[in-house]
Amino acid sequence: MTVSEWTIHSVIMDELQLAYAMTVHKSQGSEYKVVILPLLGGNPILYNRNLLYTAVTRAKEMVIIVGSQKALKMMIDNNHTYKDTPVYQST
């Protein structure tokens, strides 16, 4: 490794911060400088407006949405909540 490569790596390393992935539900009540929201598939019941709102409002400065416009539109259009979904128990 050359001196210039070491300098670049040292500068980049100083800029990195440890981060974790978490669910939107677990992030409730917290704020983060940047939120990256992956919309890459999953249970359509979870893709609702309330979840999108919660995810977006966790960010103080920037939200990055990774995924399709179709998934984003589906979340915006889906106004159902978990309370609207019946829970079935096995007997």
PDB file of N, CA and C in Angstrom:
ATOM      1  N   MET A   1       0.856  -1.171   0.000  1.00  0.00           N
ATOM      2  CA  MET A   1       0.000   0.000   0.000  1.00  0.00           C
ATOM      3  C   MET A   1       0.905   1.238   0.000  1.00  0.00           C
ATOM      4  N   THR A   2       0.598   2.175  -0.865  1.00  0.00           N
ATOM      5  CA  THR A   2       1.393   3.402  -0.937  1.00  0.00           C
ATOM      6  C   THR A   2       0.917   4.403   0.111  1.00  0.00           C
ATOM      7  N   VAL A   3       1.688   5.447   0.299  1.00  0.00           N
ATOM      8  CA  VAL A   3       1.328   6.496   1.265  1.00  0.00           C
ATOM      9  C   VAL A   3       0.003   7.142   0.893  1.00  0.00           C
ATOM     10  N   SER A   4      -0.199   7.422  -0.408  1.00  0.00           N
ATOM     11  CA  SER A   4      -1.450   8.070  -0.823  1.00  0.00           C
ATOM     12  C   SER A   4      -2.648   7.150  -0.584  1.00  0.00           C
ATOM     13  N   GLU A   5      -2.490   5.854  -0.829  1.00  0.00           N
ATOM     14  CA  GLU A   5      -3.584   4.920  -0.553  1.00  0.00           C
ATOM     15  C   GLU A   5      -3.884   4.875   0.941  1.00  0.00           C
ATOM     16  N   TRP A   6      -2.837   4.883   1.764  1.00  0.00           N
ATOM     17  CA  TRP A   6      -3.022   4.867   3.213  1.00  0.00           C
ATOM     18  C   TRP A   6      -3.757   6.120   3.682  1.00  0.00           C
ATOM     19  N   THR A   7      -3.408   7.270   3.131  1.00  0.00           N
ATOM     20  CA  THR A   7      -4.049   8.529   3.506  1.00  0.00           C
ATOM     21  C   THR A   7      -5.532   8.494   3.152  1.00  0.00           C
ATOM     22  N   ILE A   8      -5.850   8.015   1.958  1.00  0.00           N
ATOM     23  CA  ILE A   8      -7.255   7.932   1.541  1.00  0.00           C
ATOM     24  C   ILE A   8      -8.006   6.984   2.456  1.00  0.00           C
ATOM     25  N   HIS A   9      -7.436   5.827   2.718  1.00  0.00           N
ATOM     26  CA  HIS A   9      -8.106   4.870   3.595  1.00  0.00           C
ATOM     27  C   HIS A   9      -8.295   5.433   5.000  1.00  0.00           C
ATOM     28  N   SER A  10      -7.294   6.156   5.497  1.00  0.00           N
ATOM     29  CA  SER A  10      -7.400   6.744   6.832  1.00  0.00           C
ATOM     30  C   SER A  10      -8.514   7.778   6.890  1.00  0.00           C
ATOM     31  N   VAL A  11      -8.631   8.602   5.860  1.00  0.00           N
ATOM     32  CA  VAL A  11      -9.686   9.622   5.814  1.00  0.00           C
ATOM     33  C   VAL A  11     -11.050   8.945   5.735  1.00  0.00           C
ATOM     34  N   ILE A  12     -11.175   7.947   4.877  1.00  0.00           N
ATOM     35  CA  ILE A  12     -12.449   7.240   4.739  1.00  0.00           C
ATOM     36  C   ILE A  12     -12.814   6.555   6.052  1.00  0.00           C
ATOM     37  N   MET A  13     -11.887   5.924   6.692  1.00  0.00           N
ATOM     38  CA  MET A  13     -12.165   5.233   7.951  1.00  0.00           C
ATOM     39  C   MET A  13     -12.641   6.203   9.024  1.00  0.00           C
ATOM     40  N   ASP A  14     -12.112   7.418   9.028  1.00  0.00           N
ATOM     41  CA  ASP A  14     -12.551   8.419   9.998  1.00  0.00           C
ATOM     42  C   ASP A  14     -13.995   8.849   9.765  1.00  0.00           C
ATOM     43  N   GLU A  15     -14.470   8.704   8.535  1.00  0.00           N
ATOM     44  CA  GLU A  15     -15.831   9.118   8.188  1.00  0.00           C
ATOM     45  C   GLU A  15     -16.866   8.028   8.467  1.00  0.00           C
ATOM     46  N   LEU A  16     -16.425   6.790   8.630  1.00  0.00           N
ATOM     47  CA  LEU A  16     -17.362   5.683   8.818  1.00  0.00           C
ATOM     48  C   LEU A  16     -17.892   5.645  10.242  1.00  0.00           C
ATOM     49  N   GLN A  17     -19.160   5.278  10.339  1.00  0.00           N
ATOM     50  CA  GLN A  17     -19.776   5.088  11.648  1.00  0.00           C
ATOM     51  C   GLN A  17     -20.441   3.724  11.642  1.00  0.00           C
ATOM     52  N   LEU A  18     -20.393   3.065  12.768  1.00  0.00           N
ATOM     53  CA  LEU A  18     -21.029   1.782  12.916  1.00  0.00           C
ATOM     54  C   LEU A  18     -22.548   1.964  12.829  1.00  0.00           C
ATOM     55  N   ALA A  19     -23.189   1.115  12.065  1.00  0.00           N
ATOM     56  CA  ALA A  19     -24.645   1.211  11.910  1.00  0.00           C
ATOM     57  C   ALA A  19     -25.247  -0.187  11.937  1.00  0.00           C
ATOM     58  N   TYR A  20     -26.537  -0.243  12.181  1.00  0.00           N
ATOM     59  CA  TYR A  20     -27.241  -1.507  12.267  1.00  0.00           C
ATOM     60  C   TYR A  20     -28.517  -1.430  11.443  1.00  0.00           C
ATOM     61  N   ALA A  21     -28.946  -2.573  10.966  1.00  0.00           N
ATOM     62  CA  ALA A  21     -30.249  -2.656  10.311  1.00  0.00           C
ATOM     63  C   ALA A  21     -31.276  -2.967  11.393  1.00  0.00           C
ATOM     64  N   MET A  22     -32.436  -2.370  11.270  1.00  0.00           N
ATOM     65  CA  MET A  22     -33.501  -2.657  12.217  1.00  0.00           C
ATOM     66  C   MET A  22     -34.847  -2.499  11.520  1.00  0.00           C
ATOM     67  N   THR A  23     -35.855  -3.020  12.138  1.00  0.00           N
ATOM     68  CA  THR A  23     -37.189  -2.889  11.571  1.00  0.00           C
ATOM     69  C   THR A  23     -37.717  -1.483  11.841  1.00  0.00           C
ATOM     70  N   VAL A  24     -38.685  -1.090  11.034  1.00  0.00           N
ATOM     71  CA  VAL A  24     -39.324   0.208  11.237  1.00  0.00           C
ATOM     72  C   VAL A  24     -40.001   0.238  12.605  1.00  0.00           C
ATOM     73  N   HIS A  25     -40.636  -0.860  12.978  1.00  0.00           N
ATOM     74  CA  HIS A  25     -41.324  -0.891  14.271  1.00  0.00           C
ATOM     75  C   HIS A  25     -40.357  -0.678  15.430  1.00  0.00           C
ATOM     76  N   LYS A  26     -39.195  -1.298  15.352  1.00  0.00           N
ATOM     77  CA  LYS A  26     -38.218  -1.164  16.434  1.00  0.00           C
ATOM     78  C   LYS A  26     -37.651   0.259  16.496  1.00  0.00           C
ATOM     79  N   SER A  27     -37.666   0.966  15.379  1.00  0.00           N
ATOM     80  CA  SER A  27     -37.107   2.320  15.337  1.00  0.00           C
ATOM     81  C   SER A  27     -38.074   3.380  15.859  1.00  0.00           C
ATOM     82  N   GLN A  28     -39.308   3.016  16.124  1.00  0.00           N
ATOM     83  CA  GLN A  28     -40.293   3.995  16.592  1.00  0.00           C
ATOM     84  C   GLN A  28     -39.786   4.682  17.851  1.00  0.00           C
ATOM     85  N   GLY A  29     -39.933   5.991  17.876  1.00  0.00           N
ATOM     86  CA  GLY A  29     -39.487   6.779  19.012  1.00  0.00           C
ATOM     87  C   GLY A  29     -38.044   7.238  18.894  1.00  0.00           C
ATOM     88  N   SER A  30     -37.348   6.811  17.843  1.00  0.00           N
ATOM     89  CA  SER A  30     -35.948   7.201  17.641  1.00  0.00           C
ATOM     90  C   SER A  30     -35.826   8.049  16.385  1.00  0.00           C
ATOM     91  N   GLU A  31     -34.709   8.775  16.281  1.00  0.00           N
ATOM     92  CA  GLU A  31     -34.401   9.539  15.078  1.00  0.00           C
ATOM     93  C   GLU A  31     -32.988   9.217  14.639  1.00  0.00           C
ATOM     94  N   TYR A  32     -32.764   9.293  13.329  1.00  0.00           N
ATOM     95  CA  TYR A  32     -31.460   9.015  12.754  1.00  0.00           C
ATOM     96  C   TYR A  32     -31.144  10.076  11.712  1.00  0.00           C
ATOM     97  N   LYS A  33     -29.891  10.353  11.527  1.00  0.00           N
ATOM     98  CA  LYS A  33     -29.483  11.360  10.551  1.00  0.00           C
ATOM     99  C   LYS A  33     -29.952  10.954   9.145  1.00  0.00           C
ATOM    100  N   VAL A  34     -29.724   9.704   8.779  1.00  0.00           N
ATOM    101  CA  VAL A  34     -30.115   9.191   7.466  1.00  0.00           C
ATOM    102  C   VAL A  34     -30.838   7.870   7.660  1.00  0.00           C
ATOM    103  N   VAL A  35     -31.913   7.673   6.905  1.00  0.00           N
ATOM    104  CA  VAL A  35     -32.645   6.409   6.899  1.00  0.00           C
ATOM    105  C   VAL A  35     -32.614   5.851   5.485  1.00  0.00           C
ATOM    106  N   ILE A  36     -32.216   4.598   5.364  1.00  0.00           N
ATOM    107  CA  ILE A  36     -32.269   3.899   4.078  1.00  0.00           C
ATOM    108  C   ILE A  36     -33.391   2.882   4.189  1.00  0.00           C
ATOM    109  N   LEU A  37     -34.399   3.029   3.343  1.00  0.00           N
ATOM    110  CA  LEU A  37     -35.588   2.189   3.390  1.00  0.00           C
ATOM    111  C   LEU A  37     -35.625   1.278   2.166  1.00  0.00           C
ATOM    112  N   PRO A  38     -35.356  -0.014   2.342  1.00  0.00           N
ATOM    113  CA  PRO A  38     -35.437  -0.935   1.204  1.00  0.00           C
ATOM    114  C   PRO A  38     -36.879  -1.406   0.994  1.00  0.00           C
ATOM    115  N   LEU A  39     -37.379  -1.207  -0.201  1.00  0.00           N
ATOM    116  CA  LEU A  39     -38.711  -1.694  -0.579  1.00  0.00           C
ATOM    117  C   LEU A  39     -38.508  -2.745  -1.659  1.00  0.00           C
ATOM    118  N   LEU A  40     -38.113  -3.919  -1.238  1.00  0.00           N
ATOM    119  CA  LEU A  40     -37.682  -4.938  -2.192  1.00  0.00           C
ATOM    120  C   LEU A  40     -38.549  -6.187  -2.159  1.00  0.00           C
ATOM    121  N   GLY A  41     -39.748  -6.069  -1.720  1.00  0.00           N
ATOM    122  CA  GLY A  41     -40.641  -7.216  -1.687  1.00  0.00           C
ATOM    123  C   GLY A  41     -40.934  -7.631  -0.263  1.00  0.00           C
ATOM    124  N   GLY A  42     -41.963  -8.391  -0.125  1.00  0.00           N
ATOM    125  CA  GLY A  42     -42.365  -8.841   1.196  1.00  0.00           C
ATOM    126  C   GLY A  42     -43.869  -8.992   1.250  1.00  0.00           C
ATOM    127  N   ASN A  43     -44.380  -9.197   2.420  1.00  0.00           N
ATOM    128  CA  ASN A  43     -45.807  -9.385   2.621  1.00  0.00           C
ATOM    129  C   ASN A  43     -46.550  -8.081   2.317  1.00  0.00           C
ATOM    130  N   PRO A  44     -47.490  -8.107   1.370  1.00  0.00           N
ATOM    131  CA  PRO A  44     -48.233  -6.886   1.017  1.00  0.00           C
ATOM    132  C   PRO A  44     -48.981  -6.261   2.186  1.00  0.00           C
ATOM    133  N   ILE A  45     -49.328  -7.045   3.196  1.00  0.00           N
ATOM    134  CA  ILE A  45     -50.020  -6.502   4.366  1.00  0.00           C
ATOM    135  C   ILE A  45     -49.129  -5.485   5.080  1.00  0.00           C
ATOM    136  N   LEU A  46     -47.811  -5.712   5.044  1.00  0.00           N
ATOM    137  CA  LEU A  46     -46.881  -4.810   5.712  1.00  0.00           C
ATOM    138  C   LEU A  46     -46.621  -3.541   4.917  1.00  0.00           C
ATOM    139  N   TYR A  47     -46.916  -3.565   3.653  1.00  0.00           N
ATOM    140  CA  TYR A  47     -46.649  -2.402   2.794  1.00  0.00           C
ATOM    141  C   TYR A  47     -47.820  -1.432   2.880  1.00  0.00           C
ATOM    142  N   ASN A  48     -47.877  -0.664   3.970  1.00  0.00           N
ATOM    143  CA  ASN A  48     -48.978   0.277   4.124  1.00  0.00           C
ATOM    144  C   ASN A  48     -48.457   1.679   4.415  1.00  0.00           C
ATOM    145  N   ARG A  49     -49.357   2.638   4.306  1.00  0.00           N
ATOM    146  CA  ARG A  49     -49.010   4.055   4.453  1.00  0.00           C
ATOM    147  C   ARG A  49     -48.460   4.368   5.842  1.00  0.00           C
ATOM    148  N   ASN A  50     -49.034   3.773   6.866  1.00  0.00           N
ATOM    149  CA  ASN A  50     -48.568   4.049   8.228  1.00  0.00           C
ATOM    150  C   ASN A  50     -47.115   3.627   8.426  1.00  0.00           C
ATOM    151  N   LEU A  51     -46.741   2.479   7.884  1.00  0.00           N
ATOM    152  CA  LEU A  51     -45.369   2.012   8.003  1.00  0.00           C
ATOM    153  C   LEU A  51     -44.414   2.926   7.239  1.00  0.00           C
ATOM    154  N   LEU A  52     -44.825   3.351   6.061  1.00  0.00           N
ATOM    155  CA  LEU A  52     -44.004   4.284   5.273  1.00  0.00           C
ATOM    156  C   LEU A  52     -43.813   5.598   6.030  1.00  0.00           C
ATOM    157  N   TYR A  53     -44.879   6.127   6.591  1.00  0.00           N
ATOM    158  CA  TYR A  53     -44.806   7.370   7.358  1.00  0.00           C
ATOM    159  C   TYR A  53     -43.833   7.223   8.527  1.00  0.00           C
ATOM    160  N   THR A  54     -43.959   6.126   9.250  1.00  0.00           N
ATOM    161  CA  THR A  54     -43.081   5.897  10.395  1.00  0.00           C
ATOM    162  C   THR A  54     -41.624   5.835   9.959  1.00  0.00           C
ATOM    163  N   ALA A  55     -41.353   5.133   8.865  1.00  0.00           N
ATOM    164  CA  ALA A  55     -39.971   5.003   8.376  1.00  0.00           C
ATOM    165  C   ALA A  55     -39.406   6.358   7.956  1.00  0.00           C
ATOM    166  N   VAL A  56     -40.177   7.109   7.201  1.00  0.00           N
ATOM    167  CA  VAL A  56     -39.697   8.392   6.673  1.00  0.00           C
ATOM    168  C   VAL A  56     -39.483   9.406   7.792  1.00  0.00           C
ATOM    169  N   THR A  57     -40.338   9.402   8.775  1.00  0.00           N
ATOM    170  CA  THR A  57     -40.226  10.399   9.849  1.00  0.00           C
ATOM    171  C   THR A  57     -39.152  10.060  10.882  1.00  0.00           C
ATOM    172  N   ARG A  58     -38.460   8.950  10.726  1.00  0.00           N
ATOM    173  CA  ARG A  58     -37.324   8.635  11.607  1.00  0.00           C
ATOM    174  C   ARG A  58     -36.097   9.441  11.194  1.00  0.00           C
ATOM    175  N   ALA A  59     -36.059   9.946   9.962  1.00  0.00           N
ATOM    176  CA  ALA A  59     -34.875  10.626   9.427  1.00  0.00           C
ATOM    177  C   ALA A  59     -34.869  12.098   9.791  1.00  0.00           C
ATOM    178  N   LYS A  60     -33.712  12.589  10.261  1.00  0.00           N
ATOM    179  CA  LYS A  60     -33.550  14.009  10.549  1.00  0.00           C
ATOM    180  C   LYS A  60     -33.169  14.785   9.297  1.00  0.00           C
ATOM    181  N   GLU A  61     -32.338  14.196   8.437  1.00  0.00           N
ATOM    182  CA  GLU A  61     -31.809  14.934   7.296  1.00  0.00           C
ATOM    183  C   GLU A  61     -32.117  14.322   5.931  1.00  0.00           C
ATOM    184  N   MET A  62     -32.112  12.991   5.842  1.00  0.00           N
ATOM    185  CA  MET A  62     -32.231  12.390   4.512  1.00  0.00           C
ATOM    186  C   MET A  62     -32.880  11.015   4.594  1.00  0.00           C
ATOM    187  N   VAL A  63     -33.721  10.718   3.597  1.00  0.00           N
ATOM    188  CA  VAL A  63     -34.294   9.389   3.424  1.00  0.00           C
ATOM    189  C   VAL A  63     -33.881   8.890   2.048  1.00  0.00           C
ATOM    190  N   ILE A  64     -33.381   7.681   2.002  1.00  0.00           N
ATOM    191  CA  ILE A  64     -33.030   7.042   0.734  1.00  0.00           C
ATOM    192  C   ILE A  64     -33.929   5.825   0.593  1.00  0.00           C
ATOM    193  N   ILE A  65     -34.766   5.818  -0.436  1.00  0.00           N
ATOM    194  CA  ILE A  65     -35.656   4.687  -0.676  1.00  0.00           C
ATOM    195  C   ILE A  65     -35.066   3.864  -1.809  1.00  0.00           C
ATOM    196  N   VAL A  66     -34.814   2.594  -1.529  1.00  0.00           N
ATOM    197  CA  VAL A  66     -34.247   1.674  -2.518  1.00  0.00           C
ATOM    198  C   VAL A  66     -35.334   0.675  -2.881  1.00  0.00           C
ATOM    199  N   GLY A  67     -35.705   0.630  -4.144  1.00  0.00           N
ATOM    200  CA  GLY A  67     -36.750  -0.294  -4.574  1.00  0.00           C
ATOM    201  C   GLY A  67     -37.508   0.280  -5.739  1.00  0.00           C
ATOM    202  N   SER A  68     -38.663  -0.276  -5.964  1.00  0.00           N
ATOM    203  CA  SER A  68     -39.444   0.123  -7.139  1.00  0.00           C
ATOM    204  C   SER A  68     -40.453   1.212  -6.802  1.00  0.00           C
ATOM    205  N   GLN A  69     -40.775   2.001  -7.817  1.00  0.00           N
ATOM    206  CA  GLN A  69     -41.830   3.005  -7.655  1.00  0.00           C
ATOM    207  C   GLN A  69     -43.166   2.324  -7.418  1.00  0.00           C
ATOM    208  N   LYS A  70     -43.330   1.140  -7.980  1.00  0.00           N
ATOM    209  CA  LYS A  70     -44.570   0.378  -7.798  1.00  0.00           C
ATOM    210  C   LYS A  70     -44.775   0.040  -6.316  1.00  0.00           C
ATOM    211  N   ALA A  71     -43.711  -0.401  -5.645  1.00  0.00           N
ATOM    212  CA  ALA A  71     -43.811  -0.734  -4.222  1.00  0.00           C
ATOM    213  C   ALA A  71     -44.123   0.518  -3.395  1.00  0.00           C
ATOM    214  N   LEU A  72     -43.485   1.625  -3.730  1.00  0.00           N
ATOM    215  CA  LEU A  72     -43.744   2.880  -3.025  1.00  0.00           C
ATOM    216  C   LEU A  72     -45.188   3.319  -3.214  1.00  0.00           C
ATOM    217  N   LYS A  73     -45.685   3.256  -4.437  1.00  0.00           N
ATOM    218  CA  LYS A  73     -47.074   3.627  -4.720  1.00  0.00           C
ATOM    219  C   LYS A  73     -48.039   2.711  -3.980  1.00  0.00           C
ATOM    220  N   MET A  74     -47.703   1.412  -3.915  1.00  0.00           N
ATOM    221  CA  MET A  74     -48.553   0.465  -3.206  1.00  0.00           C
ATOM    222  C   MET A  74     -48.651   0.850  -1.725  1.00  0.00           C
ATOM    223  N   MET A  75     -47.544   1.273  -1.141  1.00  0.00           N
ATOM    224  CA  MET A  75     -47.574   1.679   0.265  1.00  0.00           C
ATOM    225  C   MET A  75     -48.401   2.939   0.465  1.00  0.00           C
ATOM    226  N   ILE A  76     -48.242   3.891  -0.425  1.00  0.00           N
ATOM    227  CA  ILE A  76     -48.993   5.148  -0.314  1.00  0.00           C
ATOM    228  C   ILE A  76     -50.489   4.893  -0.450  1.00  0.00           C
ATOM    229  N   ASP A  77     -50.858   4.027  -1.374  1.00  0.00           N
ATOM    230  CA  ASP A  77     -52.278   3.741  -1.636  1.00  0.00           C
ATOM    231  C   ASP A  77     -52.922   2.841  -0.586  1.00  0.00           C
ATOM    232  N   ASN A  78     -52.119   2.065   0.144  1.00  0.00           N
ATOM    233  CA  ASN A  78     -52.646   1.105   1.107  1.00  0.00           C
ATOM    234  C   ASN A  78     -52.813   1.779   2.465  1.00  0.00           C
ATOM    235  N   ASN A  79     -54.031   2.114   2.810  1.00  0.00           N
ATOM    236  CA  ASN A  79     -54.325   2.804   4.062  1.00  0.00           C
ATOM    237  C   ASN A  79     -54.787   1.852   5.163  1.00  0.00           C
ATOM    238  N   HIS A  80     -54.685   0.553   4.928  1.00  0.00           N
ATOM    239  CA  HIS A  80     -55.096  -0.420   5.938  1.00  0.00           C
ATOM    240  C   HIS A  80     -54.069  -0.480   7.060  1.00  0.00           C
ATOM    241  N   THR A  81     -54.544  -0.803   8.239  1.00  0.00           N
ATOM    242  CA  THR A  81     -53.660  -0.968   9.391  1.00  0.00           C
ATOM    243  C   THR A  81     -53.765  -2.396   9.887  1.00  0.00           C
ATOM    244  N   TYR A  82     -52.909  -2.752  10.816  1.00  0.00           N
ATOM    245  CA  TYR A  82     -52.960  -4.098  11.385  1.00  0.00           C
ATOM    246  C   TYR A  82     -54.290  -4.343  12.082  1.00  0.00           C
ATOM    247  N   LYS A  83     -54.894  -3.296  12.604  1.00  0.00           N
ATOM    248  CA  LYS A  83     -56.175  -3.434  13.273  1.00  0.00           C
ATOM    249  C   LYS A  83     -57.262  -3.869  12.295  1.00  0.00           C
ATOM    250  N   ASP A  84     -57.070  -3.539  10.992  1.00  0.00           N
ATOM    251  CA  ASP A  84     -58.041  -3.919   9.969  1.00  0.00           C
ATOM    252  C   ASP A  84     -57.902  -5.380   9.563  1.00  0.00           C
ATOM    253  N   THR A  85     -56.805  -6.022   9.951  1.00  0.00           N
ATOM    254  CA  THR A  85     -56.524  -7.386   9.526  1.00  0.00           C
ATOM    255  C   THR A  85     -56.903  -8.347  10.641  1.00  0.00           C
ATOM    256  N   PRO A  86     -57.823  -9.289  10.367  1.00  0.00           N
ATOM    257  CA  PRO A  86     -58.218 -10.225  11.426  1.00  0.00           C
ATOM    258  C   PRO A  86     -57.073 -11.154  11.774  1.00  0.00           C
ATOM    259  N   VAL A  87     -56.991 -11.491  13.038  1.00  0.00           N
ATOM    260  CA  VAL A  87     -55.978 -12.444  13.519  1.00  0.00           C
ATOM    261  C   VAL A  87     -56.685 -13.762  13.766  1.00  0.00           C
ATOM    262  N   TYR A  88     -56.198 -14.800  13.144  1.00  0.00           N
ATOM    263  CA  TYR A  88     -56.804 -16.134  13.278  1.00  0.00           C
ATOM    264  C   TYR A  88     -55.967 -16.960  14.240  1.00  0.00           C
ATOM    265  N   GLN A  89     -56.642 -17.597  15.159  1.00  0.00           N
ATOM    266  CA  GLN A  89     -55.961 -18.478  16.103  1.00  0.00           C
ATOM    267  C   GLN A  89     -56.368 -19.903  15.822  1.00  0.00           C
ATOM    268  N   SER A  90     -55.395 -20.796  15.883  1.00  0.00           N
ATOM    269  CA  SER A  90     -55.746 -22.206  15.701  1.00  0.00           C
ATOM    270  C   SER A  90     -56.334 -22.754  16.986  1.00  0.00           C
ATOM    271  N   THR A  91     -57.264 -23.664  16.842  1.00  0.00           N
ATOM    272  CA  THR A  91     -57.911 -24.247  18.040  1.00  0.00           C
ATOM    273  C   THR A  91     -57.430 -25.635  18.294  1.00  0.00           C
TER     274      THR A  91
END
